[in-house]
Amino acid sequence: MKNKTRYMSHSQQPVWLQSYIDSREKQKQLYKKTLIIVIFSQIFAGLGLAAGITVGALIAQEMLGTDSAAGIPIALLTLGSAGGALLIGRLSQRFGRRSGLATGFLIGGLGAIGVILATFANSVILLFVSLFIYGAGTATNLLARYAGTDLATSKQRGTAVSLAMVSTTFGAVAGPNLVDVMGKYAQSIGIPTLAGPFILAAAAFILAGLVPLIFLRPDPLLLATAIANAQQKDSAKQAGSNLEGFTINKKGIAVGATIMILTQFVMVAIMTMTPIHMGNHGHSLREIGLVIGFHIGAMYFPSLFTGALVDKVGRSAMAIASGITLLAAGIVAAFAPGESLALMITALVLLGIGWNLGLISGTALIVDAAHPSVRAKTQGSVDVLLALSGASGSALSGMVVAHSSYAMLSIAGAILSLLLIPVIFVLSRKPHSVKQL
């Protein structure tokens, strides 16, 4: 509430802030500057993501001497990510994007350092606690996609989200290729080999946090809040009404969140069991890695054009396209012969593209629906549900396959993806929404 009331009156604004409120040209310049800062931060953040995914399970396996613990690191990362999303959303809302992103990434860096110390001490408890903390970095990486949208117009928001996601790809692709290099480096300085990637992760997350901490001034979210409140005050005066009812479009947020949660659930469920399904049909680790590599590429690289399509064609149309693409992915995965590498690649590429379309269109809807005075808090809460959706999809997928088959899991995912279409039709009857910036 403090943020909201702080920016209500033009006469109460500092001179520098009023200059941004009055100048659309200065807003455009800060929007471009913010995108550049987010891009650089996300490149580093992508590097930081690789360690937990690549070697977290191997460290736990080595410490405990059993394969049964291999899933614990991912579970802890997911829980840490959910908690981190909630914390970062609240921090960003109160103090701005700069504080939220910097805090989240720096906490993730501390978690990576904790993992390194845990390998020295051979402490499983410290390892698990550190992986949970490290999850804050992964949550911040995903939440950073919102930062570029604060000063974007309604026709720029999809593009802003896509630029952040494409930037993550550079680091995420480079990171796994540096695992061997970092392992050798760690060994050369007396650190356990498997901890090597976490040296890179610690440095990458800390750098990802320092970039917005130093350069993200003025803060785009605080400025967007001031601009929106000033515009709404002027509109309310002209209409002879008050500002109530302009703060949030709950239906729009529900639609955007549902799109993202469903696409996340379907994608994670099918992706999780694909390596096991392929292994059961005689595929080598190289072939499995190839399929997952194509999948990850399909999750992020389409952002080069997805954001523009979301802005030009529309959120609803692209969300429907997400549902249709996921439906196709489920059908191909269900009926493709397990021995066919080409068809498995096709299924997982479709799965990645469907997720990309759903995440970017859903994100744009969330930004459209939430007034800046509650936007970051709302986004953090939605991303908590997103993390929990992924965890649920991963856990339930194993149960489904254990009691039926991979084909049945894929068909179930295809059917679930169809729910996106009626959700979008709900959007066509949306109530009056917030005034667009």
Protein backbone atom coordinates (compact mmCIF):
# COMPACT_ATOMS: atom_id res chain seq x y z
CA MET A 1 0.00 0.00 0.00
CA LYS A 2 2.93 2.31 0.71
CA ASN A 3 4.13 2.04 -2.89
CA LYS A 4 0.67 2.79 -4.18
CA THR A 5 0.07 5.89 -2.05
CA ARG A 6 3.62 7.16 -2.47
CA TYR A 7 3.09 7.93 -6.15
CA MET A 8 -0.52 9.17 -6.16
CA SER A 9 0.06 12.90 -6.32
CA HIS A 10 1.99 14.73 -9.01
CA SER A 11 2.99 17.39 -6.48
CA GLN A 12 4.64 14.82 -4.25
CA GLN A 13 6.96 13.49 -6.98
CA PRO A 14 10.70 14.18 -6.97
CA VAL A 15 11.76 16.28 -9.96
CA TRP A 16 13.66 13.43 -11.66
CA LEU A 17 10.67 11.09 -11.32
CA GLN A 18 8.21 13.67 -12.62
CA SER A 19 10.46 14.15 -15.64
CA TYR A 20 10.03 10.46 -16.53
CA ILE A 21 6.27 10.60 -15.94
CA ASP A 22 5.95 13.58 -18.29
CA SER A 23 8.29 12.30 -21.02
CA ARG A 24 7.36 9.30 -23.12
CA GLU A 25 10.76 9.58 -24.82
CA LYS A 26 12.59 9.12 -21.49
CA GLN A 27 10.36 6.13 -20.74
CA LYS A 28 11.31 4.56 -24.08
CA GLN A 29 15.00 5.11 -23.38
CA LEU A 30 14.75 3.49 -19.95
CA TYR A 31 12.76 0.59 -21.44
CA LYS A 32 15.60 -0.09 -23.90
CA LYS A 33 18.23 0.26 -21.17
CA THR A 34 16.30 -2.15 -18.93
CA LEU A 35 16.13 -4.76 -21.71
CA ILE A 36 19.91 -4.56 -22.22
CA ILE A 37 20.53 -4.99 -18.48
CA VAL A 38 18.13 -7.94 -18.28
CA ILE A 39 19.78 -9.58 -21.30
CA PHE A 40 23.27 -9.40 -19.78
CA SER A 41 22.03 -10.59 -16.39
CA GLN A 42 20.18 -13.51 -17.97
CA ILE A 43 23.24 -14.69 -19.90
CA PHE A 44 25.11 -15.07 -16.61
CA ALA A 45 22.04 -16.60 -14.96
CA GLY A 46 21.82 -19.24 -17.69
CA LEU A 47 25.36 -20.31 -16.86
CA GLY A 48 24.35 -20.62 -13.22
CA LEU A 49 21.46 -22.95 -14.01
CA ALA A 50 23.60 -25.71 -15.51
CA ALA A 51 25.29 -27.00 -12.36
CA GLY A 52 22.22 -28.05 -10.40
CA ILE A 53 20.62 -29.80 -13.36
CA THR A 54 23.79 -31.46 -14.58
CA VAL A 55 25.66 -32.68 -11.49
CA GLY A 56 23.43 -32.09 -8.46
CA ALA A 57 22.07 -35.63 -8.60
CA LEU A 58 25.55 -37.09 -9.12
CA ILE A 59 26.87 -35.40 -5.96
CA ALA A 60 23.97 -36.76 -3.91
CA GLN A 61 24.45 -40.21 -5.42
CA GLU A 62 28.17 -40.18 -4.58
CA MET A 63 27.63 -38.99 -1.01
CA LEU A 64 24.84 -41.43 -0.20
CA GLY A 65 26.08 -44.34 -2.30
CA THR A 66 22.64 -45.07 -3.76
CA ASP A 67 20.62 -44.22 -6.86
CA SER A 68 17.46 -43.78 -4.80
CA ALA A 69 18.54 -40.26 -3.80
CA ALA A 70 19.07 -39.06 -7.37
CA GLY A 71 15.70 -37.29 -7.47
CA ILE A 72 16.19 -35.39 -4.21
CA PRO A 73 18.32 -32.54 -5.64
CA ILE A 74 15.73 -31.69 -8.31
CA ALA A 75 12.96 -31.83 -5.69
CA LEU A 76 14.92 -29.47 -3.42
CA LEU A 77 15.67 -27.13 -6.32
CA THR A 78 11.97 -27.04 -7.15
CA LEU A 79 10.94 -26.31 -3.56
CA GLY A 80 13.65 -23.68 -3.27
CA SER A 81 12.50 -22.17 -6.53
CA ALA A 82 8.91 -21.96 -5.27
CA GLY A 83 9.98 -20.30 -2.02
CA GLY A 84 12.35 -18.02 -3.89
CA ALA A 85 9.62 -16.90 -6.31
CA LEU A 86 7.40 -15.89 -3.39
CA LEU A 87 10.20 -14.00 -1.63
CA ILE A 88 11.48 -12.25 -4.76
CA GLY A 89 7.98 -11.24 -5.80
CA ARG A 90 7.36 -9.60 -2.41
CA LEU A 91 10.78 -7.89 -2.38
CA SER A 92 10.33 -6.58 -5.92
CA GLN A 93 6.90 -5.21 -5.11
CA ARG A 94 8.14 -3.35 -2.04
CA PHE A 95 11.59 -2.20 -3.16
CA GLY A 96 11.63 -2.64 -6.96
CA ARG A 97 13.02 -5.06 -9.56
CA ARG A 98 16.59 -4.07 -8.77
CA SER A 99 16.36 -5.26 -5.17
CA GLY A 100 14.36 -8.39 -6.00
CA LEU A 101 16.56 -9.66 -8.84
CA ALA A 102 19.84 -8.82 -7.12
CA THR A 103 18.78 -10.52 -3.88
CA GLY A 104 17.51 -13.64 -5.61
CA PHE A 105 20.61 -14.17 -7.72
CA LEU A 106 23.00 -13.43 -4.85
CA ILE A 107 21.17 -15.93 -2.62
CA GLY A 108 21.47 -18.48 -5.44
CA GLY A 109 25.21 -17.78 -5.56
CA LEU A 110 25.50 -18.39 -1.81
CA GLY A 111 23.67 -21.69 -2.30
CA ALA A 112 26.23 -22.73 -4.93
CA ILE A 113 29.07 -21.86 -2.54
CA GLY A 114 27.31 -23.97 0.11
CA VAL A 115 27.30 -26.96 -2.25
CA ILE A 116 31.07 -26.60 -2.72
CA LEU A 117 31.58 -26.51 1.05
CA ALA A 118 29.29 -29.53 1.45
CA THR A 119 31.50 -31.59 -0.87
CA PHE A 120 34.54 -30.62 1.22
CA ALA A 121 32.83 -31.58 4.47
CA ASN A 122 31.04 -34.55 2.91
CA SER A 123 27.88 -33.24 4.61
CA VAL A 124 24.61 -34.41 3.12
CA ILE A 125 22.58 -32.04 5.30
CA LEU A 126 24.61 -29.02 4.15
CA LEU A 127 24.28 -30.24 0.56
CA PHE A 128 20.49 -30.45 0.74
CA VAL A 129 20.14 -27.08 2.49
CA SER A 130 22.47 -25.47 -0.06
CA LEU A 131 20.57 -26.93 -3.01
CA PHE A 132 17.33 -25.55 -1.56
CA ILE A 133 18.94 -22.09 -1.29
CA TYR A 134 20.43 -22.46 -4.77
CA GLY A 135 16.84 -22.81 -6.02
CA ALA A 136 16.35 -19.09 -5.40
CA GLY A 137 18.69 -18.44 -8.31
CA THR A 138 16.61 -20.56 -10.66
CA ALA A 139 13.43 -18.79 -9.52
CA THR A 140 15.02 -15.39 -10.13
CA ASN A 141 16.12 -16.49 -13.59
CA LEU A 142 12.49 -17.18 -14.51
CA LEU A 143 11.09 -14.09 -12.78
CA ALA A 144 13.57 -11.86 -14.60
CA ARG A 145 11.48 -12.29 -17.75
CA TYR A 146 8.98 -9.85 -16.20
CA ALA A 147 11.50 -7.05 -15.62
CA GLY A 148 11.67 -5.98 -19.24
CA THR A 149 7.87 -5.67 -19.42
CA ASP A 150 7.40 -2.99 -16.75
CA LEU A 151 7.85 -0.07 -19.13
CA ALA A 152 6.76 -1.91 -22.26
CA THR A 153 3.52 -1.03 -24.01
CA SER A 154 0.89 -3.72 -24.51
CA LYS A 155 2.33 -4.29 -28.01
CA GLN A 156 5.89 -4.81 -26.72
CA ARG A 157 5.42 -7.14 -23.74
CA GLY A 158 5.64 -10.46 -25.55
CA THR A 159 8.82 -9.32 -27.26
CA ALA A 160 10.31 -8.17 -23.95
CA VAL A 161 9.64 -11.58 -22.36
CA SER A 162 11.10 -13.40 -25.35
CA LEU A 163 14.36 -11.41 -25.25
CA ALA A 164 14.93 -12.42 -21.63
CA MET A 165 14.30 -16.08 -22.46
CA VAL A 166 16.56 -16.09 -25.50
CA SER A 167 19.33 -14.52 -23.41
CA THR A 168 19.05 -17.34 -20.87
CA THR A 169 19.63 -19.81 -23.68
CA PHE A 170 23.17 -18.62 -24.37
CA GLY A 171 24.29 -19.42 -20.84
CA ALA A 172 22.15 -22.54 -20.50
CA VAL A 173 23.68 -24.04 -23.67
CA ALA A 174 27.25 -23.05 -22.79
CA GLY A 175 27.00 -24.20 -19.17
CA PRO A 176 26.75 -27.98 -19.69
CA ASN A 177 29.64 -27.82 -22.17
CA LEU A 178 31.82 -26.34 -19.43
CA VAL A 179 31.13 -29.11 -16.92
CA ASP A 180 34.26 -31.08 -17.82
CA VAL A 181 36.41 -27.96 -17.92
CA MET A 182 35.22 -26.82 -14.50
CA GLY A 183 35.63 -30.31 -13.08
CA LYS A 184 39.28 -30.36 -14.15
CA TYR A 185 39.80 -26.86 -12.80
CA ALA A 186 38.29 -27.83 -9.45
CA GLN A 187 40.53 -30.87 -9.25
CA SER A 188 43.58 -28.73 -10.00
CA ILE A 189 42.91 -26.53 -6.94
CA GLY A 190 42.02 -29.39 -4.61
CA ILE A 191 38.24 -29.24 -4.85
CA PRO A 192 36.18 -32.39 -5.60
CA THR A 193 35.60 -32.73 -9.34
CA LEU A 194 31.80 -32.75 -9.17
CA ALA A 195 31.82 -29.45 -7.30
CA GLY A 196 33.55 -27.77 -10.24
CA PRO A 197 30.35 -26.71 -12.05
CA PHE A 198 29.13 -25.07 -8.84
CA ILE A 199 32.20 -22.81 -8.89
CA LEU A 200 30.92 -21.56 -12.24
CA ALA A 201 27.37 -21.37 -10.87
CA ALA A 202 28.44 -19.30 -7.85
CA ALA A 203 30.36 -16.82 -10.00
CA ALA A 204 27.58 -16.68 -12.63
CA PHE A 205 24.73 -16.08 -10.18
CA ILE A 206 26.71 -13.45 -8.27
CA LEU A 207 27.50 -11.63 -11.54
CA ALA A 208 23.85 -11.96 -12.60
CA GLY A 209 22.87 -10.26 -9.34
CA LEU A 210 25.50 -7.50 -9.52
CA VAL A 211 24.41 -6.41 -13.01
CA PRO A 212 20.92 -5.19 -11.97
CA LEU A 213 22.17 -4.07 -8.55
CA ILE A 214 24.65 -1.66 -10.16
CA PHE A 215 22.96 -0.67 -13.42
CA LEU A 216 19.17 -1.01 -13.01
CA ARG A 217 18.54 2.63 -12.09
CA PRO A 218 15.95 4.15 -12.12
CA ASP A 219 13.99 1.07 -11.14
CA PRO A 220 11.53 0.18 -13.95
CA LEU A 221 8.83 -1.27 -11.70
CA LEU A 222 8.75 1.69 -9.30
CA LEU A 223 8.68 4.07 -12.25
CA ALA A 224 5.91 2.06 -13.97
CA THR A 225 3.88 2.22 -10.74
CA ALA A 226 4.29 6.00 -10.57
CA ILE A 227 3.33 6.44 -14.24
CA ALA A 228 0.27 4.19 -13.97
CA ASN A 229 -0.99 5.89 -10.82
CA ALA A 230 -0.53 9.32 -12.35
CA GLN A 231 -2.41 8.28 -15.50
CA GLN A 232 -5.20 6.71 -13.48
CA LYS A 233 -5.53 9.77 -11.30
CA ASP A 234 -5.94 11.93 -14.40
CA SER A 235 -8.49 9.49 -15.86
CA ALA A 236 -10.42 9.36 -12.60
CA LYS A 237 -10.58 13.15 -12.44
CA GLN A 238 -11.91 13.35 -16.00
CA ALA A 239 -14.51 10.65 -15.30
CA GLY A 240 -15.42 12.05 -11.88
CA SER A 241 -14.70 8.70 -10.21
CA ASN A 242 -12.09 7.15 -7.96
CA LEU A 243 -9.28 4.69 -8.64
CA GLU A 244 -11.00 1.64 -7.22
CA GLY A 245 -11.48 -1.20 -9.71
CA PHE A 246 -8.44 -0.27 -11.78
CA THR A 247 -5.89 -2.22 -9.77
CA ILE A 248 -6.22 -5.76 -11.04
CA ASN A 249 -8.10 -7.89 -13.55
CA LYS A 250 -8.49 -11.12 -11.61
CA LYS A 251 -9.97 -13.05 -14.51
CA GLY A 252 -7.08 -12.08 -16.77
CA ILE A 253 -4.57 -13.24 -14.15
CA ALA A 254 -6.44 -16.52 -13.67
CA VAL A 255 -6.40 -17.15 -17.43
CA GLY A 256 -2.70 -16.32 -17.80
CA ALA A 257 -1.77 -18.44 -14.78
CA THR A 258 -3.85 -21.39 -15.98
CA ILE A 259 -2.17 -21.31 -19.40
CA MET A 260 1.31 -21.34 -17.86
CA ILE A 261 0.50 -23.99 -15.23
CA LEU A 262 -1.09 -26.39 -17.72
CA THR A 263 1.71 -26.04 -20.25
CA GLN A 264 4.33 -26.49 -17.51
CA PHE A 265 2.60 -29.60 -16.15
CA VAL A 266 2.25 -31.27 -19.55
CA MET A 267 5.77 -30.40 -20.66
CA VAL A 268 7.51 -31.57 -17.47
CA ALA A 269 5.46 -34.78 -17.23
CA ILE A 270 6.31 -35.99 -20.73
CA MET A 271 9.90 -34.69 -20.68
CA THR A 272 10.69 -36.40 -17.35
CA MET A 273 9.82 -39.87 -18.56
CA THR A 274 11.21 -39.59 -22.10
CA PRO A 275 14.81 -40.58 -21.16
CA ILE A 276 13.55 -43.65 -19.30
CA HIS A 277 11.25 -44.59 -22.18
CA MET A 278 14.11 -44.26 -24.67
CA GLY A 279 16.49 -46.22 -22.44
CA ASN A 280 13.99 -49.05 -22.27
CA HIS A 281 14.00 -49.18 -26.07
CA GLY A 282 17.77 -49.45 -26.36
CA HIS A 283 18.77 -45.86 -27.06
CA SER A 284 22.24 -44.80 -25.94
CA LEU A 285 22.98 -41.92 -23.57
CA ARG A 286 24.21 -39.93 -26.55
CA GLU A 287 20.88 -40.36 -28.34
CA ILE A 288 18.93 -39.50 -25.20
CA GLY A 289 21.09 -36.41 -24.71
CA LEU A 290 20.48 -35.43 -28.34
CA VAL A 291 16.70 -35.60 -27.89
CA ILE A 292 16.76 -33.60 -24.65
CA GLY A 293 19.13 -31.09 -26.27
CA PHE A 294 16.68 -30.54 -29.14
CA HIS A 295 13.89 -30.22 -26.57
CA ILE A 296 15.67 -27.55 -24.52
CA GLY A 297 16.53 -25.66 -27.70
CA ALA A 298 12.87 -25.77 -28.73
CA MET A 299 11.88 -24.39 -25.32
CA TYR A 300 13.93 -21.21 -25.70
CA PHE A 301 15.10 -20.49 -29.26
CA PRO A 302 11.57 -19.97 -30.68
CA SER A 303 11.39 -16.94 -28.38
CA LEU A 304 13.17 -15.08 -31.18
CA PHE A 305 9.81 -14.93 -32.97
CA THR A 306 7.24 -16.05 -30.35
CA GLY A 307 7.24 -12.73 -28.53
CA ALA A 308 6.59 -10.79 -31.73
CA LEU A 309 3.76 -13.17 -32.63
CA VAL A 310 2.20 -12.80 -29.18
CA ASP A 311 2.27 -9.02 -29.59
CA LYS A 312 1.06 -8.91 -33.20
CA VAL A 313 -1.28 -11.92 -33.52
CA GLY A 314 -2.53 -11.79 -29.95
CA ARG A 315 -2.23 -13.58 -26.61
CA SER A 316 -5.34 -15.69 -27.12
CA ALA A 317 -4.39 -16.98 -30.56
CA MET A 318 -0.89 -17.96 -29.44
CA ALA A 319 -2.19 -19.67 -26.30
CA ILE A 320 -4.53 -21.74 -28.48
CA ALA A 321 -1.54 -22.51 -30.72
CA SER A 322 0.26 -23.71 -27.58
CA GLY A 323 -2.54 -26.13 -26.78
CA ILE A 324 -2.63 -27.48 -30.35
CA THR A 325 1.16 -27.89 -30.44
CA LEU A 326 1.20 -29.73 -27.11
CA LEU A 327 -1.64 -31.91 -28.37
CA ALA A 328 0.45 -32.82 -31.42
CA ALA A 329 3.47 -33.51 -29.20
CA GLY A 330 1.47 -35.89 -27.02
CA ILE A 331 0.04 -37.77 -30.01
CA VAL A 332 3.45 -38.17 -31.70
CA ALA A 333 5.07 -39.30 -28.42
CA ALA A 334 2.26 -41.77 -27.74
CA PHE A 335 2.22 -43.48 -31.13
CA ALA A 336 5.86 -43.16 -32.23
CA PRO A 337 7.78 -46.45 -32.13
CA GLY A 338 10.15 -46.32 -29.17
CA GLU A 339 13.05 -47.21 -31.46
CA SER A 340 12.52 -44.19 -33.74
CA LEU A 341 14.99 -41.46 -32.82
CA ALA A 342 13.60 -39.06 -35.44
CA LEU A 343 10.04 -39.29 -34.12
CA MET A 344 11.17 -38.88 -30.50
CA ILE A 345 13.04 -35.73 -31.53
CA THR A 346 9.92 -34.51 -33.33
CA ALA A 347 7.72 -35.13 -30.26
CA LEU A 348 10.09 -33.38 -27.86
CA VAL A 349 10.65 -30.42 -30.21
CA LEU A 350 6.87 -29.95 -30.44
CA LEU A 351 6.68 -30.24 -26.66
CA GLY A 352 9.28 -27.50 -26.24
CA ILE A 353 7.62 -25.17 -28.75
CA GLY A 354 4.21 -25.69 -27.13
CA TRP A 355 5.67 -24.79 -23.72
CA ASN A 356 7.33 -21.70 -25.16
CA LEU A 357 4.10 -20.45 -26.74
CA GLY A 358 2.16 -21.04 -23.53
CA LEU A 359 4.72 -19.43 -21.21
CA ILE A 360 5.16 -16.25 -23.24
CA SER A 361 1.46 -15.73 -24.00
CA GLY A 362 0.53 -16.48 -20.36
CA THR A 363 3.23 -14.14 -19.07
CA ALA A 364 1.99 -11.33 -21.32
CA LEU A 365 -1.56 -11.85 -20.03
CA ILE A 366 -0.36 -11.62 -16.43
CA VAL A 367 1.44 -8.35 -17.14
CA ASP A 368 -1.61 -6.97 -18.98
CA ALA A 369 -3.93 -7.82 -16.09
CA ALA A 370 -1.94 -6.60 -13.08
CA HIS A 371 -1.49 -2.95 -12.17
CA PRO A 372 2.20 -2.13 -11.45
CA SER A 373 1.36 -1.51 -7.78
CA VAL A 374 0.61 -5.24 -7.33
CA ARG A 375 2.34 -6.66 -10.40
CA ALA A 376 5.55 -8.11 -8.92
CA LYS A 377 3.77 -9.72 -5.98
CA THR A 378 1.23 -11.28 -8.34
CA GLN A 379 3.94 -12.53 -10.68
CA GLY A 380 5.86 -14.12 -7.81
CA SER A 381 2.73 -15.90 -6.57
CA VAL A 382 1.98 -17.22 -10.07
CA ASP A 383 5.53 -18.51 -10.45
CA VAL A 384 5.21 -20.39 -7.15
CA LEU A 385 2.30 -22.27 -8.73
CA LEU A 386 4.40 -22.74 -11.87
CA ALA A 387 7.20 -24.39 -9.87
CA LEU A 388 4.79 -26.61 -7.97
CA SER A 389 3.09 -27.56 -11.24
CA GLY A 390 6.41 -28.75 -12.63
CA ALA A 391 7.15 -30.73 -9.47
CA SER A 392 3.70 -32.35 -9.60
CA GLY A 393 4.08 -33.21 -13.28
CA SER A 394 7.43 -34.83 -12.62
CA ALA A 395 6.18 -36.87 -9.65
CA LEU A 396 2.89 -37.98 -11.21
CA SER A 397 4.46 -38.92 -14.54
CA GLY A 398 6.43 -41.73 -12.90
CA MET A 399 3.31 -43.07 -11.24
CA VAL A 400 1.33 -43.01 -14.47
CA VAL A 401 4.04 -44.85 -16.42
CA ALA A 402 4.56 -47.36 -13.60
CA HIS A 403 0.85 -48.28 -13.65
CA SER A 404 0.24 -47.96 -17.40
CA SER A 405 2.73 -46.82 -20.05
CA TYR A 406 4.58 -43.90 -21.58
CA ALA A 407 2.00 -43.86 -24.37
CA MET A 408 -0.81 -43.44 -21.85
CA LEU A 409 1.09 -40.60 -20.15
CA SER A 410 1.52 -38.85 -23.51
CA ILE A 411 -2.16 -39.24 -24.39
CA ALA A 412 -3.15 -37.86 -20.98
CA GLY A 413 -0.87 -34.87 -21.63
CA ALA A 414 -2.45 -34.35 -25.05
CA ILE A 415 -5.94 -34.34 -23.53
CA LEU A 416 -4.91 -31.94 -20.77
CA SER A 417 -3.47 -29.54 -23.34
CA LEU A 418 -6.90 -29.25 -24.95
CA LEU A 419 -8.14 -27.55 -21.78
CA LEU A 420 -6.25 -24.45 -22.90
CA ILE A 421 -8.84 -23.80 -25.61
CA PRO A 422 -11.91 -23.38 -23.33
CA VAL A 423 -9.75 -21.33 -20.96
CA ILE A 424 -9.06 -18.91 -23.80
CA PHE A 425 -12.75 -18.62 -24.62
CA VAL A 426 -13.26 -17.45 -21.04
CA LEU A 427 -10.86 -14.62 -21.88
CA SER A 428 -13.17 -13.39 -24.63
CA ARG A 429 -15.70 -12.45 -21.95
CA LYS A 430 -13.20 -10.61 -19.76
CA PRO A 431 -14.40 -7.71 -17.60
CA HIS A 432 -12.98 -4.19 -17.86
CA SER A 433 -9.24 -4.39 -17.38
CA VAL A 434 -6.48 -2.11 -16.26
CA LYS A 435 -5.58 0.87 -18.33
CA GLN A 436 -2.71 -0.11 -20.64
CA LEU A 437 0.54 1.85 -20.33
